[in-house]
């Protein structure tokens, strides 16, 4: 393992993920479930995604950019619609969500968190950046460790901060904010798709 490559991956991936949709998805998950299973599920999903990105390496660069960005746009739009529907359920569901949070097993909450993040990370900037780093440095283990460490820092902050945020803000408001952000990311992905097709 090469420490300079670990550090390079960590420093590159950390700021890419800070304003990312996965941060907000983790925050929303943390409003529904206890933070520890959310962190375990999200962290495991990130681990799998980093392993896939590192393994794929330069192969991801061979995929047409328009196809990747179009699929990402559809995923973001779907996420925005689902989050908005969740927010429309309103305050009556906040009490039910609190009860569901208490009644959901650790494994189920971790599995749901894993599924949400595993699906959301496909074609993500951090995944593409990780693949690029793996191809550039030819140090897959170092790139894996650095990238995964950065993603664990982000998911830990989101999982444990999300619960505190939920105590101060209504869950419906968090869902609306996340839906708006997902919509913005969908629009950006559509613009990228058009640029790829035109350019």
N, C-alpha and C. Protein backbone atom coordinates (compact mmCIF):
# COMPACT_ATOMS: atom_id res chain seq x y z
N UNK A 1 0.85 -1.17 0.00
CA UNK A 1 0.00 0.00 0.00
C UNK A 1 0.90 1.24 0.00
N UNK A 2 0.52 2.22 -0.83
CA UNK A 2 1.29 3.45 -0.97
C UNK A 2 0.52 4.58 -0.28
N UNK A 3 1.11 5.12 0.79
CA UNK A 3 0.44 6.13 1.60
C UNK A 3 0.09 7.39 0.80
N UNK A 4 0.96 7.79 -0.13
CA UNK A 4 0.69 8.99 -0.92
C UNK A 4 -0.53 8.80 -1.81
N UNK A 5 -0.75 7.59 -2.31
CA UNK A 5 -1.92 7.31 -3.15
C UNK A 5 -3.18 7.27 -2.28
N UNK A 6 -3.07 6.68 -1.08
CA UNK A 6 -4.20 6.68 -0.14
C UNK A 6 -4.62 8.11 0.16
N UNK A 7 -3.64 8.96 0.46
CA UNK A 7 -3.92 10.36 0.78
C UNK A 7 -4.51 11.10 -0.42
N UNK A 8 -3.96 10.85 -1.61
CA UNK A 8 -4.47 11.50 -2.83
C UNK A 8 -5.93 11.12 -3.06
N UNK A 9 -6.27 9.84 -2.90
CA UNK A 9 -7.65 9.39 -3.09
C UNK A 9 -8.57 10.02 -2.05
N UNK A 10 -8.12 10.05 -0.79
CA UNK A 10 -8.92 10.62 0.28
C UNK A 10 -9.20 12.10 0.02
N UNK A 11 -8.15 12.84 -0.33
CA UNK A 11 -8.27 14.29 -0.54
C UNK A 11 -9.13 14.60 -1.75
N UNK A 12 -9.10 13.75 -2.78
CA UNK A 12 -9.91 13.99 -3.97
C UNK A 12 -11.38 13.64 -3.72
N UNK A 13 -11.63 12.53 -3.07
CA UNK A 13 -13.00 12.04 -2.91
C UNK A 13 -13.78 12.81 -1.85
N UNK A 14 -13.16 13.20 -0.76
CA UNK A 14 -13.86 13.88 0.33
C UNK A 14 -14.64 15.11 -0.13
N UNK A 15 -14.01 16.08 -0.82
CA UNK A 15 -14.78 17.27 -1.23
C UNK A 15 -15.81 16.98 -2.33
N UNK A 16 -15.57 15.93 -3.12
CA UNK A 16 -16.54 15.57 -4.17
C UNK A 16 -17.84 15.11 -3.53
N UNK A 17 -17.75 14.37 -2.41
CA UNK A 17 -18.94 13.81 -1.76
C UNK A 17 -19.65 14.78 -0.84
N UNK A 18 -18.98 15.82 -0.36
CA UNK A 18 -19.61 16.72 0.62
C UNK A 18 -20.93 17.31 0.13
N UNK A 19 -20.99 17.89 -1.08
CA UNK A 19 -22.29 18.44 -1.50
C UNK A 19 -23.12 17.44 -2.29
N UNK A 20 -22.78 16.17 -2.20
CA UNK A 20 -23.37 15.18 -3.09
C UNK A 20 -24.72 14.66 -2.60
N UNK A 21 -25.45 14.06 -3.52
CA UNK A 21 -26.76 13.49 -3.21
C UNK A 21 -26.70 12.41 -2.16
N UNK A 22 -25.60 11.65 -2.12
CA UNK A 22 -25.50 10.57 -1.15
C UNK A 22 -25.43 11.10 0.28
N UNK A 23 -24.86 12.26 0.45
CA UNK A 23 -24.85 12.90 1.78
C UNK A 23 -26.29 13.17 2.22
N UNK A 24 -27.09 13.71 1.31
CA UNK A 24 -28.47 14.05 1.64
C UNK A 24 -29.33 12.79 1.78
N UNK A 25 -29.05 11.78 0.97
CA UNK A 25 -29.79 10.52 1.11
C UNK A 25 -29.50 9.89 2.47
N UNK A 26 -28.25 9.95 2.91
CA UNK A 26 -27.89 9.42 4.22
C UNK A 26 -28.55 10.22 5.33
N UNK A 27 -28.61 11.54 5.18
CA UNK A 27 -29.30 12.38 6.16
C UNK A 27 -30.76 11.97 6.29
N UNK A 28 -31.41 11.74 5.14
CA UNK A 28 -32.82 11.36 5.16
C UNK A 28 -32.98 9.98 5.81
N UNK A 29 -32.11 9.04 5.48
CA UNK A 29 -32.18 7.71 6.10
C UNK A 29 -32.02 7.81 7.62
N UNK A 30 -31.16 8.71 8.06
CA UNK A 30 -30.92 8.88 9.49
C UNK A 30 -32.11 9.49 10.22
N UNK A 31 -33.03 10.10 9.47
CA UNK A 31 -34.25 10.60 10.10
C UNK A 31 -35.27 9.48 10.28
N UNK A 32 -35.07 8.39 9.57
CA UNK A 32 -36.02 7.28 9.63
C UNK A 32 -35.55 6.14 10.51
N UNK A 33 -34.22 5.97 10.62
CA UNK A 33 -33.66 4.83 11.35
C UNK A 33 -32.57 5.32 12.30
N UNK A 34 -32.21 4.50 13.28
CA UNK A 34 -31.10 4.87 14.16
C UNK A 34 -29.79 5.03 13.37
N UNK A 35 -28.90 5.87 13.84
CA UNK A 35 -27.70 6.18 13.06
C UNK A 35 -26.75 5.01 12.82
N UNK A 36 -26.58 4.12 13.78
CA UNK A 36 -25.59 3.05 13.62
C UNK A 36 -25.92 2.10 12.46
N UNK A 37 -27.17 1.57 12.36
CA UNK A 37 -27.44 0.72 11.21
C UNK A 37 -27.39 1.48 9.88
N UNK A 38 -27.75 2.76 9.90
CA UNK A 38 -27.63 3.57 8.67
C UNK A 38 -26.16 3.65 8.27
N UNK A 39 -25.30 3.94 9.23
CA UNK A 39 -23.86 4.04 8.96
C UNK A 39 -23.30 2.71 8.45
N UNK A 40 -23.70 1.61 9.08
CA UNK A 40 -23.22 0.29 8.65
C UNK A 40 -23.69 -0.02 7.23
N UNK A 41 -24.96 0.21 6.96
CA UNK A 41 -25.50 -0.06 5.61
C UNK A 41 -24.88 0.82 4.55
N UNK A 42 -24.79 2.12 4.85
CA UNK A 42 -24.23 3.07 3.89
C UNK A 42 -22.73 2.79 3.69
N UNK A 43 -22.02 2.56 4.79
CA UNK A 43 -20.59 2.27 4.69
C UNK A 43 -20.30 1.02 3.89
N UNK A 44 -21.12 -0.02 4.07
CA UNK A 44 -20.96 -1.25 3.31
C UNK A 44 -21.25 -1.01 1.83
N UNK A 45 -22.31 -0.25 1.55
CA UNK A 45 -22.63 0.07 0.15
C UNK A 45 -21.48 0.83 -0.50
N UNK A 46 -20.92 1.81 0.22
CA UNK A 46 -19.78 2.55 -0.30
C UNK A 46 -18.60 1.61 -0.55
N UNK A 47 -18.37 0.66 0.36
CA UNK A 47 -17.29 -0.30 0.18
C UNK A 47 -17.43 -1.10 -1.10
N UNK A 48 -18.65 -1.59 -1.34
CA UNK A 48 -18.91 -2.33 -2.57
C UNK A 48 -18.72 -1.45 -3.80
N UNK A 49 -19.25 -0.22 -3.73
CA UNK A 49 -19.14 0.68 -4.88
C UNK A 49 -17.69 1.05 -5.17
N UNK A 50 -16.90 1.28 -4.13
CA UNK A 50 -15.48 1.60 -4.33
C UNK A 50 -14.77 0.39 -4.93
N UNK A 51 -15.08 -0.82 -4.43
CA UNK A 51 -14.46 -2.03 -4.99
C UNK A 51 -14.81 -2.19 -6.46
N UNK A 52 -16.06 -1.92 -6.81
CA UNK A 52 -16.48 -2.02 -8.22
C UNK A 52 -15.74 -0.98 -9.06
N UNK A 53 -15.66 0.24 -8.54
CA UNK A 53 -14.98 1.31 -9.29
C UNK A 53 -13.51 1.00 -9.48
N UNK A 54 -12.86 0.52 -8.43
CA UNK A 54 -11.44 0.19 -8.52
C UNK A 54 -11.23 -0.97 -9.49
N UNK A 55 -12.09 -1.97 -9.39
CA UNK A 55 -11.98 -3.13 -10.28
C UNK A 55 -12.22 -2.74 -11.73
N UNK A 56 -13.24 -1.95 -11.95
CA UNK A 56 -13.56 -1.53 -13.31
C UNK A 56 -12.47 -0.64 -13.89
N UNK A 57 -11.91 0.24 -13.02
CA UNK A 57 -10.81 1.10 -13.43
C UNK A 57 -11.03 1.78 -14.76
N UNK A 58 -10.20 1.50 -15.66
CA UNK A 58 -10.24 2.15 -16.98
C UNK A 58 -11.41 1.70 -17.83
N UNK A 59 -12.06 0.59 -17.48
CA UNK A 59 -13.20 0.13 -18.27
C UNK A 59 -14.36 1.13 -18.23
N UNK A 60 -14.53 1.81 -17.10
CA UNK A 60 -15.60 2.81 -17.01
C UNK A 60 -15.40 3.94 -18.01
N UNK A 61 -14.15 4.24 -18.30
CA UNK A 61 -13.87 5.32 -19.25
C UNK A 61 -14.31 4.96 -20.65
N UNK A 62 -14.49 3.67 -20.92
CA UNK A 62 -14.92 3.24 -22.25
C UNK A 62 -16.42 3.38 -22.48
N UNK A 63 -17.19 3.52 -21.40
CA UNK A 63 -18.64 3.68 -21.55
C UNK A 63 -18.96 5.04 -22.15
N UNK A 64 -19.96 5.11 -23.02
CA UNK A 64 -20.35 6.42 -23.56
C UNK A 64 -20.86 7.34 -22.44
N UNK A 65 -20.31 8.53 -22.39
CA UNK A 65 -20.69 9.50 -21.35
C UNK A 65 -22.16 9.84 -21.37
N UNK A 66 -22.75 9.92 -22.56
CA UNK A 66 -24.17 10.26 -22.68
C UNK A 66 -25.05 9.20 -22.03
N UNK A 67 -24.68 7.94 -22.18
CA UNK A 67 -25.46 6.85 -21.59
C UNK A 67 -25.40 6.91 -20.07
N UNK A 68 -24.21 7.10 -19.53
CA UNK A 68 -24.04 7.18 -18.07
C UNK A 68 -24.85 8.35 -17.51
N UNK A 69 -24.71 9.53 -18.10
CA UNK A 69 -25.41 10.70 -17.56
C UNK A 69 -26.92 10.59 -17.74
N UNK A 70 -27.40 9.94 -18.80
CA UNK A 70 -28.84 9.76 -18.98
C UNK A 70 -29.42 8.84 -17.90
N UNK A 71 -28.72 7.76 -17.61
CA UNK A 71 -29.17 6.84 -16.57
C UNK A 71 -29.16 7.54 -15.21
N UNK A 72 -28.12 8.32 -14.95
CA UNK A 72 -28.02 9.07 -13.70
C UNK A 72 -29.19 10.06 -13.59
N UNK A 73 -29.53 10.73 -14.69
CA UNK A 73 -30.65 11.67 -14.68
C UNK A 73 -31.95 10.98 -14.29
N UNK A 74 -32.19 9.80 -14.85
CA UNK A 74 -33.41 9.05 -14.54
C UNK A 74 -33.42 8.64 -13.07
N UNK A 75 -32.27 8.18 -12.56
CA UNK A 75 -32.19 7.79 -11.15
C UNK A 75 -32.47 8.97 -10.22
N UNK A 76 -31.88 10.13 -10.54
CA UNK A 76 -32.10 11.32 -9.71
C UNK A 76 -33.56 11.75 -9.76
N UNK A 77 -34.14 11.74 -10.94
CA UNK A 77 -35.53 12.15 -11.09
C UNK A 77 -36.46 11.22 -10.31
N UNK A 78 -36.19 9.92 -10.39
CA UNK A 78 -36.97 8.95 -9.63
C UNK A 78 -36.83 9.20 -8.13
N UNK A 79 -35.60 9.45 -7.69
CA UNK A 79 -35.37 9.75 -6.28
C UNK A 79 -36.10 11.00 -5.84
N UNK A 80 -36.11 12.04 -6.70
CA UNK A 80 -36.80 13.29 -6.37
C UNK A 80 -38.31 13.05 -6.21
N UNK A 81 -38.89 12.28 -7.12
CA UNK A 81 -40.32 12.00 -7.06
C UNK A 81 -40.66 11.21 -5.79
N UNK A 82 -39.86 10.19 -5.50
CA UNK A 82 -40.12 9.38 -4.30
C UNK A 82 -39.99 10.20 -3.02
N UNK A 83 -38.98 11.05 -2.96
CA UNK A 83 -38.80 11.89 -1.77
C UNK A 83 -39.93 12.90 -1.63
N UNK A 84 -40.38 13.47 -2.75
CA UNK A 84 -41.46 14.45 -2.69
C UNK A 84 -42.75 13.78 -2.21
N UNK A 85 -43.02 12.57 -2.71
CA UNK A 85 -44.21 11.84 -2.26
C UNK A 85 -44.14 11.56 -0.77
N UNK A 86 -42.95 11.20 -0.32
CA UNK A 86 -42.73 10.94 1.10
C UNK A 86 -43.01 12.20 1.92
N UNK A 87 -42.58 13.35 1.42
CA UNK A 87 -42.79 14.62 2.13
C UNK A 87 -44.27 15.00 2.17
N UNK A 88 -45.02 14.65 1.13
CA UNK A 88 -46.44 15.02 1.07
C UNK A 88 -47.28 14.28 2.09
N UNK A 89 -46.77 13.19 2.61
CA UNK A 89 -47.52 12.45 3.61
C UNK A 89 -47.72 13.27 4.87
N UNK A 90 -46.80 14.22 5.07
CA UNK A 90 -47.01 15.23 6.11
C UNK A 90 -46.70 14.80 7.52
N UNK A 91 -47.13 15.65 8.43
CA UNK A 91 -46.81 15.51 9.85
C UNK A 91 -47.42 14.26 10.47
N UNK A 92 -48.56 13.81 9.94
CA UNK A 92 -49.18 12.62 10.50
C UNK A 92 -48.26 11.42 10.43
N UNK A 93 -47.42 11.40 9.39
CA UNK A 93 -46.49 10.29 9.24
C UNK A 93 -45.23 10.45 10.07
N UNK A 94 -44.98 11.65 10.59
CA UNK A 94 -43.78 11.84 11.42
C UNK A 94 -43.87 10.99 12.68
N UNK A 95 -45.06 10.92 13.26
CA UNK A 95 -45.24 10.08 14.44
C UNK A 95 -45.10 8.61 14.07
N UNK A 96 -45.69 8.23 12.94
CA UNK A 96 -45.57 6.85 12.47
C UNK A 96 -44.12 6.52 12.14
N UNK A 97 -43.39 7.49 11.58
CA UNK A 97 -41.97 7.27 11.26
C UNK A 97 -41.15 7.06 12.52
N UNK A 98 -41.48 7.83 13.56
CA UNK A 98 -40.76 7.66 14.83
C UNK A 98 -41.02 6.27 15.41
N UNK A 99 -42.27 5.82 15.31
CA UNK A 99 -42.61 4.49 15.80
C UNK A 99 -41.94 3.42 14.94
N UNK A 100 -41.92 3.62 13.60
CA UNK A 100 -41.26 2.67 12.70
C UNK A 100 -39.77 2.60 12.99
N UNK A 101 -39.18 3.76 13.32
CA UNK A 101 -37.76 3.82 13.64
C UNK A 101 -37.46 2.93 14.85
N UNK A 102 -38.35 2.97 15.82
CA UNK A 102 -38.16 2.16 17.02
C UNK A 102 -38.39 0.67 16.75
N UNK A 103 -39.32 0.36 15.83
CA UNK A 103 -39.69 -1.03 15.57
C UNK A 103 -38.87 -1.70 14.48
N UNK A 104 -38.02 -0.97 13.79
CA UNK A 104 -37.23 -1.53 12.70
C UNK A 104 -35.97 -2.18 13.27
N UNK A 105 -35.73 -3.41 12.85
CA UNK A 105 -34.54 -4.10 13.35
C UNK A 105 -33.27 -3.48 12.78
N UNK A 106 -32.17 -3.72 13.46
CA UNK A 106 -30.86 -3.23 13.02
C UNK A 106 -30.57 -3.71 11.61
N UNK A 107 -30.77 -5.00 11.38
CA UNK A 107 -30.46 -5.59 10.07
C UNK A 107 -31.32 -4.97 8.96
N UNK A 108 -32.61 -4.80 9.23
CA UNK A 108 -33.51 -4.24 8.20
C UNK A 108 -33.12 -2.79 7.88
N UNK A 109 -32.85 -1.99 8.90
CA UNK A 109 -32.45 -0.59 8.67
C UNK A 109 -31.13 -0.53 7.90
N UNK A 110 -30.19 -1.41 8.25
CA UNK A 110 -28.90 -1.44 7.54
C UNK A 110 -29.10 -1.89 6.09
N UNK A 111 -29.97 -2.87 5.88
CA UNK A 111 -30.22 -3.38 4.53
C UNK A 111 -30.88 -2.32 3.65
N UNK A 112 -31.84 -1.60 4.20
CA UNK A 112 -32.50 -0.52 3.45
C UNK A 112 -31.49 0.56 3.11
N UNK A 113 -30.68 0.94 4.08
CA UNK A 113 -29.64 1.96 3.86
C UNK A 113 -28.66 1.50 2.79
N UNK A 114 -28.26 0.24 2.85
CA UNK A 114 -27.36 -0.31 1.85
C UNK A 114 -27.98 -0.21 0.46
N UNK A 115 -29.22 -0.65 0.33
CA UNK A 115 -29.89 -0.65 -0.98
C UNK A 115 -30.03 0.73 -1.57
N UNK A 116 -30.43 1.70 -0.75
CA UNK A 116 -30.61 3.07 -1.23
C UNK A 116 -29.29 3.63 -1.74
N UNK A 117 -28.23 3.50 -0.94
CA UNK A 117 -26.95 4.08 -1.32
C UNK A 117 -26.27 3.32 -2.44
N UNK A 118 -26.42 2.00 -2.45
CA UNK A 118 -25.80 1.21 -3.51
C UNK A 118 -26.38 1.61 -4.86
N UNK A 119 -27.70 1.81 -4.92
CA UNK A 119 -28.34 2.22 -6.17
C UNK A 119 -27.98 3.66 -6.53
N UNK A 120 -27.91 4.53 -5.54
CA UNK A 120 -27.68 5.95 -5.80
C UNK A 120 -26.25 6.25 -6.26
N UNK A 121 -25.30 5.40 -5.93
CA UNK A 121 -23.90 5.69 -6.23
C UNK A 121 -23.50 5.37 -7.67
N UNK A 122 -24.33 4.66 -8.42
CA UNK A 122 -23.94 4.30 -9.78
C UNK A 122 -23.73 5.54 -10.63
N UNK A 123 -22.58 5.62 -11.27
CA UNK A 123 -22.27 6.75 -12.14
C UNK A 123 -21.95 8.03 -11.39
N UNK A 124 -21.78 7.94 -10.08
CA UNK A 124 -21.49 9.10 -9.26
C UNK A 124 -20.08 9.61 -9.54
N UNK A 125 -19.88 10.91 -9.30
CA UNK A 125 -18.55 11.50 -9.52
C UNK A 125 -17.48 10.80 -8.72
N UNK A 126 -17.78 10.45 -7.48
CA UNK A 126 -16.76 9.79 -6.66
C UNK A 126 -16.43 8.41 -7.20
N UNK A 127 -17.42 7.72 -7.76
CA UNK A 127 -17.16 6.41 -8.35
C UNK A 127 -16.29 6.55 -9.59
N UNK A 128 -16.61 7.53 -10.42
CA UNK A 128 -15.81 7.76 -11.62
C UNK A 128 -14.40 8.23 -11.27
N UNK A 129 -14.31 9.10 -10.26
CA UNK A 129 -12.99 9.58 -9.82
C UNK A 129 -12.16 8.43 -9.27
N UNK A 130 -12.79 7.54 -8.51
CA UNK A 130 -12.07 6.38 -7.97
C UNK A 130 -11.57 5.49 -9.09
N UNK A 131 -12.41 5.26 -10.09
CA UNK A 131 -11.99 4.44 -11.23
C UNK A 131 -10.80 5.10 -11.95
N UNK A 132 -10.87 6.41 -12.12
CA UNK A 132 -9.78 7.13 -12.77
C UNK A 132 -8.49 7.04 -11.97
N UNK A 133 -8.59 7.16 -10.65
CA UNK A 133 -7.40 7.04 -9.80
C UNK A 133 -6.80 5.64 -9.89
N UNK A 134 -7.66 4.63 -9.89
CA UNK A 134 -7.18 3.25 -9.98
C UNK A 134 -6.46 3.01 -11.30
N UNK A 135 -6.99 3.58 -12.37
CA UNK A 135 -6.35 3.42 -13.67
C UNK A 135 -5.03 4.20 -13.73
N UNK A 136 -5.00 5.36 -13.12
CA UNK A 136 -3.81 6.22 -13.19
C UNK A 136 -2.65 5.69 -12.35
N UNK A 137 -2.94 5.30 -11.13
CA UNK A 137 -1.87 4.92 -10.21
C UNK A 137 -1.52 3.44 -10.24
N UNK A 138 -2.40 2.61 -10.75
CA UNK A 138 -2.19 1.15 -10.75
C UNK A 138 -1.89 0.65 -9.33
N UNK A 139 -2.55 1.23 -8.36
CA UNK A 139 -2.43 0.85 -6.94
C UNK A 139 -3.85 0.65 -6.39
N UNK A 140 -4.53 -0.44 -6.80
CA UNK A 140 -5.94 -0.60 -6.44
C UNK A 140 -6.22 -0.62 -4.94
N UNK A 141 -5.36 -1.26 -4.15
CA UNK A 141 -5.61 -1.33 -2.71
C UNK A 141 -5.49 0.06 -2.08
N UNK A 142 -4.49 0.82 -2.48
CA UNK A 142 -4.30 2.17 -1.93
C UNK A 142 -5.46 3.08 -2.31
N UNK A 143 -5.89 3.00 -3.56
CA UNK A 143 -7.03 3.81 -4.01
C UNK A 143 -8.30 3.40 -3.26
N UNK A 144 -8.49 2.10 -3.08
CA UNK A 144 -9.66 1.61 -2.34
C UNK A 144 -9.67 2.17 -0.93
N UNK A 145 -8.55 2.05 -0.22
CA UNK A 145 -8.48 2.49 1.18
C UNK A 145 -8.74 4.00 1.29
N UNK A 146 -8.10 4.79 0.45
CA UNK A 146 -8.28 6.25 0.50
C UNK A 146 -9.69 6.68 0.16
N UNK A 147 -10.24 6.11 -0.90
CA UNK A 147 -11.60 6.48 -1.32
C UNK A 147 -12.64 6.05 -0.30
N UNK A 148 -12.52 4.81 0.18
CA UNK A 148 -13.50 4.31 1.14
C UNK A 148 -13.43 5.08 2.45
N UNK A 149 -12.21 5.43 2.88
CA UNK A 149 -12.06 6.21 4.11
C UNK A 149 -12.78 7.56 3.99
N UNK A 150 -12.63 8.23 2.85
CA UNK A 150 -13.31 9.51 2.64
C UNK A 150 -14.83 9.34 2.68
N UNK A 151 -15.32 8.29 2.05
CA UNK A 151 -16.76 8.05 2.02
C UNK A 151 -17.29 7.67 3.41
N UNK A 152 -16.50 6.95 4.19
CA UNK A 152 -16.93 6.61 5.55
C UNK A 152 -17.01 7.85 6.44
N UNK A 153 -16.09 8.79 6.24
CA UNK A 153 -16.14 10.04 7.00
C UNK A 153 -17.45 10.78 6.68
N UNK A 154 -17.76 10.89 5.39
CA UNK A 154 -18.99 11.58 4.97
C UNK A 154 -20.23 10.87 5.49
N UNK A 155 -20.28 9.54 5.33
CA UNK A 155 -21.47 8.81 5.77
C UNK A 155 -21.62 8.84 7.28
N UNK A 156 -20.51 8.82 8.01
CA UNK A 156 -20.58 8.92 9.47
C UNK A 156 -21.14 10.26 9.92
N UNK A 157 -20.64 11.32 9.31
CA UNK A 157 -21.16 12.66 9.63
C UNK A 157 -22.65 12.76 9.33
N UNK A 158 -23.04 12.26 8.17
CA UNK A 158 -24.44 12.36 7.76
C UNK A 158 -25.34 11.50 8.64
N UNK A 159 -24.91 10.28 8.94
CA UNK A 159 -25.75 9.37 9.73
C UNK A 159 -25.96 9.90 11.14
N UNK A 160 -24.89 10.38 11.76
CA UNK A 160 -25.00 10.81 13.14
C UNK A 160 -25.51 12.24 13.27
N UNK A 161 -25.25 13.07 12.26
CA UNK A 161 -25.78 14.44 12.25
C UNK A 161 -27.25 14.44 11.84
N UNK A 162 -27.60 13.51 10.96
CA UNK A 162 -28.97 13.45 10.45
C UNK A 162 -30.00 13.30 11.55
N UNK A 163 -29.71 12.50 12.54
CA UNK A 163 -30.65 12.29 13.65
C UNK A 163 -30.84 13.58 14.45
N UNK A 164 -29.76 14.30 14.68
CA UNK A 164 -29.84 15.57 15.41
C UNK A 164 -30.62 16.60 14.60
N UNK A 165 -30.39 16.58 13.29
CA UNK A 165 -31.11 17.49 12.40
C UNK A 165 -32.61 17.18 12.43
N UNK A 166 -32.93 15.90 12.48
CA UNK A 166 -34.34 15.49 12.49
C UNK A 166 -35.06 15.97 13.74
N UNK A 167 -34.31 16.08 14.84
CA UNK A 167 -34.93 16.57 16.07
C UNK A 167 -35.26 18.05 15.98
N UNK A 168 -34.58 18.79 15.12
CA UNK A 168 -34.79 20.24 15.01
C UNK A 168 -35.65 20.63 13.81
N UNK A 169 -35.63 19.80 12.78
CA UNK A 169 -36.39 20.11 11.56
C UNK A 169 -37.43 19.03 11.30
N UNK A 170 -38.58 19.40 10.75
CA UNK A 170 -39.58 18.39 10.40
C UNK A 170 -39.05 17.47 9.30
N UNK A 171 -39.37 16.19 9.41
CA UNK A 171 -38.92 15.20 8.45
C UNK A 171 -39.42 15.56 7.04
N UNK A 172 -40.65 16.05 6.95
CA UNK A 172 -41.20 16.42 5.64
C UNK A 172 -40.36 17.51 4.98
N UNK A 173 -39.88 18.46 5.76
CA UNK A 173 -39.02 19.51 5.22
C UNK A 173 -37.71 18.93 4.70
N UNK A 174 -37.10 18.02 5.45
CA UNK A 174 -35.87 17.37 4.99
C UNK A 174 -36.12 16.61 3.68
N UNK A 175 -37.26 15.93 3.59
CA UNK A 175 -37.59 15.21 2.36
C UNK A 175 -37.75 16.17 1.18
N UNK A 176 -38.40 17.30 1.42
CA UNK A 176 -38.57 18.29 0.35
C UNK A 176 -37.23 18.86 -0.10
N UNK A 177 -36.36 19.17 0.86
CA UNK A 177 -35.03 19.69 0.52
C UNK A 177 -34.26 18.66 -0.29
N UNK A 178 -34.27 17.41 0.18
CA UNK A 178 -33.57 16.34 -0.54
C UNK A 178 -34.16 16.13 -1.93
N UNK A 179 -35.50 16.19 -2.05
CA UNK A 179 -36.15 16.04 -3.36
C UNK A 179 -35.71 17.16 -4.29
N UNK A 180 -35.65 18.39 -3.78
CA UNK A 180 -35.19 19.52 -4.59
C UNK A 180 -33.76 19.33 -5.05
N UNK A 181 -32.91 18.84 -4.16
CA UNK A 181 -31.52 18.60 -4.53
C UNK A 181 -31.41 17.49 -5.57
N UNK A 182 -32.19 16.43 -5.40
CA UNK A 182 -32.18 15.35 -6.39
C UNK A 182 -32.64 15.89 -7.75
N UNK A 183 -33.64 16.77 -7.74
CA UNK A 183 -34.12 17.35 -8.99
C UNK A 183 -33.03 18.18 -9.66
N UNK A 184 -32.30 18.96 -8.86
CA UNK A 184 -31.19 19.75 -9.40
C UNK A 184 -30.15 18.83 -10.04
N UNK A 185 -29.80 17.74 -9.33
CA UNK A 185 -28.83 16.79 -9.88
C UNK A 185 -29.36 16.14 -11.16
N UNK A 186 -30.67 15.88 -11.22
CA UNK A 186 -31.26 15.31 -12.43
C UNK A 186 -31.14 16.27 -13.60
N UNK A 187 -31.41 17.56 -13.35
CA UNK A 187 -31.28 18.58 -14.41
C UNK A 187 -29.84 18.67 -14.89
N UNK A 188 -28.90 18.67 -13.96
CA UNK A 188 -27.48 18.72 -14.33
C UNK A 188 -27.12 17.50 -15.18
N UNK A 189 -27.61 16.33 -14.80
CA UNK A 189 -27.33 15.12 -15.57
C UNK A 189 -27.94 15.19 -16.97
N UNK A 190 -29.13 15.77 -17.09
CA UNK A 190 -29.76 15.94 -18.41
C UNK A 190 -28.91 16.87 -19.28
N UNK A 191 -28.44 17.97 -18.68
CA UNK A 191 -27.58 18.91 -19.41
C UNK A 191 -26.30 18.21 -19.88
N UNK A 192 -25.71 17.39 -18.99
CA UNK A 192 -24.51 16.65 -19.37
C UNK A 192 -24.80 15.67 -20.50
N UNK A 193 -25.97 15.04 -20.47
CA UNK A 193 -26.36 14.10 -21.54
C UNK A 193 -26.45 14.84 -22.87
N UNK A 194 -27.12 16.00 -22.86
CA UNK A 194 -27.27 16.78 -24.10
C UNK A 194 -25.91 17.22 -24.62
N UNK A 195 -25.03 17.68 -23.73
CA UNK A 195 -23.69 18.10 -24.14
C UNK A 195 -22.91 16.94 -24.76
N UNK A 196 -23.04 15.76 -24.15
CA UNK A 196 -22.35 14.58 -24.69
C UNK A 196 -22.86 14.24 -26.08
N UNK A 197 -24.20 14.34 -26.27
CA UNK A 197 -24.78 14.00 -27.56
C UNK A 197 -24.46 15.03 -28.64
N UNK A 198 -24.46 16.31 -28.25
CA UNK A 198 -24.19 17.39 -29.21
C UNK A 198 -22.69 17.50 -29.50
N UNK A 199 -21.87 17.41 -28.44
CA UNK A 199 -20.42 17.58 -28.57
C UNK A 199 -19.74 16.41 -29.06
